[in-house]
Protein backbone atom coordinates (compact mmCIF):
# COMPACT_ATOMS: atom_id res chain seq x y z
CA MET A 1 24.76 47.88 16.34
CA VAL A 2 23.32 44.53 14.54
CA GLN A 3 26.23 41.85 13.90
CA VAL A 4 25.59 39.59 10.83
CA ARG A 5 27.74 36.91 10.05
CA ALA A 6 27.49 33.42 8.12
CA SER A 7 26.65 29.88 9.67
CA LEU A 8 24.96 27.19 8.14
CA THR A 9 22.75 29.80 7.53
CA VAL A 10 23.59 33.33 8.16
CA GLN A 11 23.82 34.41 12.01
CA VAL A 12 22.29 37.56 12.97
CA ASN A 13 23.48 39.28 16.35
CA GLY A 14 24.44 35.34 16.92
CA ARG A 15 21.46 33.84 16.52
CA PRO A 16 21.35 31.64 13.53
CA LEU A 17 18.26 31.85 11.11
CA THR A 18 16.60 28.95 10.30
CA GLU A 19 16.36 27.44 6.47
CA LYS A 20 13.10 28.86 5.91
CA GLN A 21 14.16 32.15 7.39
CA ALA A 22 17.28 32.60 5.28
CA LYS A 23 15.28 31.09 2.24
CA ALA A 24 12.72 34.07 2.48
CA VAL A 25 15.27 36.86 2.93
CA LEU A 26 17.36 35.19 -0.21
CA ALA A 27 13.94 34.92 -2.37
CA LEU A 28 12.75 38.64 -1.48
CA TYR A 29 16.25 40.09 -2.65
CA LEU A 30 16.27 37.94 -5.95
CA ASN A 31 12.78 38.55 -6.95
CA GLY A 32 12.04 42.02 -5.46
CA THR A 33 8.43 41.32 -4.47
CA GLN A 34 6.58 39.19 -2.08
CA ARG A 35 4.36 37.93 -4.20
CA SER A 36 7.11 36.96 -6.85
CA ALA A 37 9.10 35.56 -3.91
CA ALA A 38 6.72 33.58 -2.39
CA ARG A 39 5.84 32.05 -5.67
CA SER A 40 9.85 30.81 -6.25
CA LEU A 41 9.59 29.21 -2.93
CA GLY A 42 5.98 27.55 -3.08
CA ILE A 43 4.51 29.21 -0.33
CA SER A 44 1.77 31.77 0.16
CA ALA A 45 2.81 35.63 0.53
CA PRO A 46 1.39 35.43 4.20
CA VAL A 47 3.79 32.29 5.05
CA LEU A 48 7.00 34.40 3.28
CA CYS A 49 5.71 37.58 5.60
CA ARG A 50 5.83 35.29 8.76
CA HIS A 51 9.40 34.21 8.07
CA LEU A 52 10.62 37.54 7.39
CA ARG A 53 9.21 39.00 10.47
CA GLN A 54 10.54 36.16 12.52
CA VAL A 55 13.99 37.44 10.88
CA GLU A 56 13.56 40.95 12.54
CA VAL A 57 12.75 39.75 15.87
CA LYS A 58 16.29 37.91 15.60
CA ALA A 59 17.61 41.21 14.41
CA GLY A 60 15.83 43.15 16.60
CA ALA A 61 15.50 45.96 13.81
CA PRO A 62 13.54 45.94 10.44
CA ILE A 63 14.80 44.34 7.45
CA MET A 64 12.43 45.94 4.92
CA ASP A 65 10.89 49.03 3.91
CA CYS A 66 7.36 49.53 2.06
CA GLY A 67 7.59 52.17 -0.93
CA ALA A 68 5.83 52.31 -4.17
CA ARG A 69 6.89 48.89 -5.66
CA GLY A 70 5.66 47.39 -2.30
CA THR A 71 7.81 45.57 0.36
CA VAL A 72 11.38 45.24 -0.15
CA LEU A 73 14.66 44.56 1.73
CA ASN A 74 16.42 47.47 3.42
CA GLU A 75 19.99 47.85 3.63
CA LEU A 76 20.09 45.40 6.67
CA GLY A 77 18.11 42.95 4.95
CA GLU A 78 20.44 43.23 1.71
CA THR A 79 23.19 42.57 4.17
CA ILE A 80 22.01 39.40 5.32
CA ALA A 81 20.89 38.38 1.62
CA LYS A 82 24.31 38.86 0.75
CA GLU A 83 25.88 37.23 3.10
CA GLN A 84 23.55 33.98 2.50
CA LEU A 85 24.62 34.23 -1.26
CA ALA A 86 28.18 34.50 -0.53
CA LEU A 87 28.08 31.59 1.79
CA GLN A 88 26.15 29.60 -0.72
CA SER A 89 28.97 30.29 -3.18
CA ARG A 90 31.88 29.18 -1.11
CA ILE A 91 29.93 25.65 -0.11
CA ARG A 92 29.55 25.12 -3.56
CA GLU A 93 32.76 26.10 -4.22
CA ARG A 94 34.80 23.18 -1.96
CA SER A 95 34.15 19.55 -3.00
CA ASP A 96 37.25 18.13 -1.07
CA LEU A 97 37.54 17.35 3.08
CA ALA A 98 38.42 20.69 4.86
CA VAL A 99 40.24 20.12 8.30
CA ALA A 100 41.41 23.07 10.53
CA CYS A 101 44.05 23.47 13.60
CA THR A 102 46.03 26.01 14.99
CA PRO A 103 49.69 26.24 15.43
CA LEU A 104 49.44 24.23 18.80
CA THR A 105 47.77 21.14 16.96
CA GLU A 106 49.03 21.69 13.68
CA GLU A 107 51.60 18.69 14.13
CA MET A 108 48.69 16.65 15.49
CA LEU A 109 46.20 16.76 12.34
CA LEU A 110 49.24 16.82 10.00
CA LEU A 111 50.44 13.75 11.39
CA ALA A 112 46.87 12.08 10.85
CA LEU A 113 46.75 13.17 7.64
CA ASN A 114 49.74 11.36 6.46
CA ALA A 115 47.61 8.17 7.07
CA ALA A 116 44.12 9.38 6.36
CA ASP A 117 44.90 11.64 3.16
CA PRO A 118 47.71 9.93 1.54
CA GLN A 119 46.83 11.85 -1.47
CA GLY A 120 47.15 14.95 -0.27
CA MET A 121 43.60 15.87 -1.24
CA ALA A 122 42.26 17.50 1.67
CA GLU A 123 42.33 21.45 2.42
CA VAL A 124 44.01 22.43 5.36
CA MET A 125 43.48 25.62 7.11
CA ILE A 126 45.88 27.27 10.06
CA SER A 127 44.02 29.86 12.30
CA ASP A 128 43.15 30.39 15.81
CA ASP A 129 40.21 28.42 17.39
CA ARG A 130 37.76 31.36 16.94
CA ARG A 131 38.25 31.63 13.28
CA ASN A 132 38.21 28.11 12.78
CA VAL A 133 35.28 27.48 14.84
CA ALA A 134 33.45 30.14 12.80
CA ASP A 135 34.42 28.16 9.66
CA LEU A 136 33.02 24.87 10.81
CA GLN A 137 29.66 26.48 11.96
CA ALA A 138 29.56 28.27 8.14
CA GLY A 139 30.11 24.79 6.46
CA LEU A 140 33.43 25.68 4.89
CA VAL A 141 35.36 23.23 6.87
CA ASP A 142 34.33 19.59 8.58
CA LEU A 143 36.76 19.28 10.93
CA VAL A 144 38.69 21.40 13.60
CA VAL A 145 41.64 20.36 16.15
CA LEU A 146 40.84 22.84 19.12
CA ASP A 147 43.18 24.56 21.50
CA ASP A 148 40.68 25.49 23.82
CA PRO A 149 37.99 22.89 24.79
CA LEU A 150 35.58 25.31 26.10
CA TYR A 151 34.52 25.69 22.35
CA ALA A 152 33.17 22.41 22.10
CA PHE A 153 30.99 22.86 25.09
CA GLU A 154 29.46 26.10 23.43
CA MET A 155 28.33 24.57 19.84
CA ASP A 156 25.16 22.15 20.29
CA ASP A 157 25.09 20.89 16.77
CA MET A 158 28.59 19.56 16.52
CA MET A 159 30.11 16.10 17.19
CA TRP A 160 33.33 16.26 19.51
CA GLU A 161 35.83 13.51 20.88
CA GLU A 162 39.06 13.69 22.72
CA VAL A 163 42.29 12.99 20.97
CA GLY A 164 44.94 14.24 23.29
CA SER A 165 45.77 15.97 26.44
CA ASP A 166 48.07 18.88 27.62
CA ARG A 167 48.90 21.23 30.29
CA LEU A 168 48.56 24.81 30.73
CA PHE A 169 51.22 26.52 32.79
CA HIS A 170 50.72 29.67 34.75
CA VAL A 171 53.49 31.69 34.99
CA ARG A 172 52.94 34.80 37.23
CA LYS A 173 54.98 37.69 37.69
CA GLY A 174 52.57 40.30 38.56
CA GLU A 175 48.71 41.36 38.41
CA GLU A 176 49.57 42.33 34.45
CA TYR A 177 48.98 39.68 32.19
CA ALA A 178 49.31 39.15 28.47
CA LEU A 179 47.18 36.92 26.73
CA TYR A 180 48.98 34.15 24.02
CA ARG A 181 47.01 33.87 20.35
CA PHE A 182 46.42 30.41 20.87
CA GLY A 183 46.13 27.90 23.72
CA PRO A 184 43.07 27.45 26.13
CA GLN A 185 43.46 30.89 27.86
CA ARG A 186 40.21 31.25 28.33
CA LEU A 187 40.98 28.48 30.95
CA GLY A 188 43.66 30.03 32.72
CA LEU A 189 41.60 33.58 33.21
CA ARG A 190 38.65 31.21 34.60
CA THR A 191 40.98 29.94 37.30
CA LEU A 192 42.08 32.91 38.25
CA ASP A 193 38.30 34.55 38.53
CA SER A 194 37.45 31.33 40.42
CA SER A 195 40.03 32.24 43.01
CA ASN A 196 39.49 35.80 43.13
CA GLU A 197 42.99 36.91 42.18
CA ARG A 198 43.22 40.56 41.02
CA TYR A 199 44.41 40.31 37.33
CA ARG A 200 44.16 42.93 34.49
CA VAL A 201 44.98 41.72 30.59
CA VAL A 202 46.79 44.73 28.93
CA ARG A 203 47.54 42.85 25.50
CA THR A 204 47.77 39.89 23.60
CA TYR A 205 51.26 38.24 21.48
CA SER A 206 50.95 36.59 18.51
CA SER A 207 54.31 34.99 18.77
CA LEU A 208 55.82 32.86 21.87
CA ALA A 209 59.35 34.64 22.27
CA PRO A 210 57.82 37.84 23.13
CA LEU A 211 55.87 36.64 25.33
CA LEU A 212 58.06 34.57 27.44
CA ARG A 213 60.71 37.78 27.21
CA SER A 214 57.80 40.30 28.52
CA GLY A 215 57.35 41.20 31.97
CA TYR A 216 53.83 40.40 32.00
CA SER A 217 52.17 37.12 33.66
CA TYR A 218 50.84 34.43 31.32
CA PHE A 219 49.58 31.19 30.22
CA VAL A 220 51.05 28.75 27.73
CA SER A 221 50.86 25.37 26.80
CA GLU A 222 53.73 22.84 28.11
CA GLY A 223 53.46 20.96 24.48
CA LEU A 224 54.48 24.27 22.86
CA LEU A 225 57.23 25.03 25.08
CA LEU A 226 58.80 21.59 24.42
CA ARG A 227 58.60 21.82 20.79
CA LYS A 228 59.97 25.42 20.50
CA GLY A 229 62.75 23.64 22.82
CA HIS A 230 61.94 25.86 25.85
CA ARG A 231 62.09 23.37 29.20
CA PRO A 232 59.53 24.54 32.02
CA ARG A 233 61.47 25.26 35.38
CA GLY A 234 59.02 22.50 36.97
CA ASP A 235 57.58 24.50 39.76
CA GLU A 236 54.93 26.54 37.76
CA PRO A 237 51.17 25.63 38.83
CA SER A 238 49.54 23.86 35.76
CA ILE A 239 45.89 23.21 34.56
CA PRO A 240 45.23 19.75 32.61
CA TYR A 241 43.18 20.11 29.86
CA ALA A 242 41.82 17.63 26.66
CA ILE A 243 42.28 18.65 23.05
CA LEU A 244 39.11 18.07 21.44
CA CYS A 245 37.94 17.72 17.85
CA VAL A 246 35.07 19.10 16.80
CA TYR A 247 33.72 17.85 13.63
CA ARG A 248 30.59 17.25 11.20
CA PRO A 249 30.49 13.61 9.97
CA THR A 250 31.23 13.62 6.29
CA VAL A 251 33.07 11.61 4.01
CA GLY A 252 36.48 11.55 5.22
CA THR A 253 36.15 12.97 8.59
CA GLU A 254 36.18 9.35 10.30
CA ALA A 255 39.50 8.81 8.23
CA VAL A 256 40.97 11.53 9.92
CA LEU A 257 39.51 10.76 13.63
CA GLN A 258 40.74 7.08 13.28
CA ALA A 259 44.26 8.25 12.50
CA LEU A 260 43.96 10.52 15.39
CA ARG A 261 42.80 7.79 18.04
CA ALA A 262 45.87 5.67 16.83
CA ASN A 263 48.61 8.35 17.02
CA ARG A 264 47.20 9.11 20.33
CA ARG A 265 47.87 5.24 21.48
CA THR A 266 51.07 5.42 19.91
């Protein structure tokens, strides 16, 4: 099944369209014919067609139909165009700095905003890494404090900086594992894979207390345990990891970064 989601331009099957490709699809959608679409972009019809064919290669499926009215977008092509329209609308609506974090990194980011945003104008989103990273790539937020540092290494077009550190505790009760929605869970699973340990992930918890009470093995960050009033036994194996901030340089992000750096030193 073809997957469509937004980036700074639309992504199709995880492959971002170039600006020219996205504009070509949108122009055909808005103008109805290739000739009118090409004219609106100031390019020739063959150049427009080349951009559209490149989109089809990325999608692995046709995005156009040929009919009595000429070449028009099919259902997939219209989906891509509408996603690009929605993305542009969301970006136009946002004028202030927007930042994001998870419940694990919330206190760190909010403390930095006390210094960097004393007027309280920044938009703050609190979600999981996957949603926050998608919003960053779509241009909906400017800066994200991550739980999972692996996300930073998977993005080629973003800057990142280490702003803290923590440890991931491994509590093993058997081969059945429960994941916690937040924290660098993938680091824990990679450790199991590298040591060839047998395991099976059976479910995910969104709140901490039920996870700790469960009979499943799990990974959990030390900082979260301490903030929630839980004292580690002290004999749990642990994985040290860096807390990274990924960002797009814009007005306001440098002030937040400076506050994060200052707070790390104190």
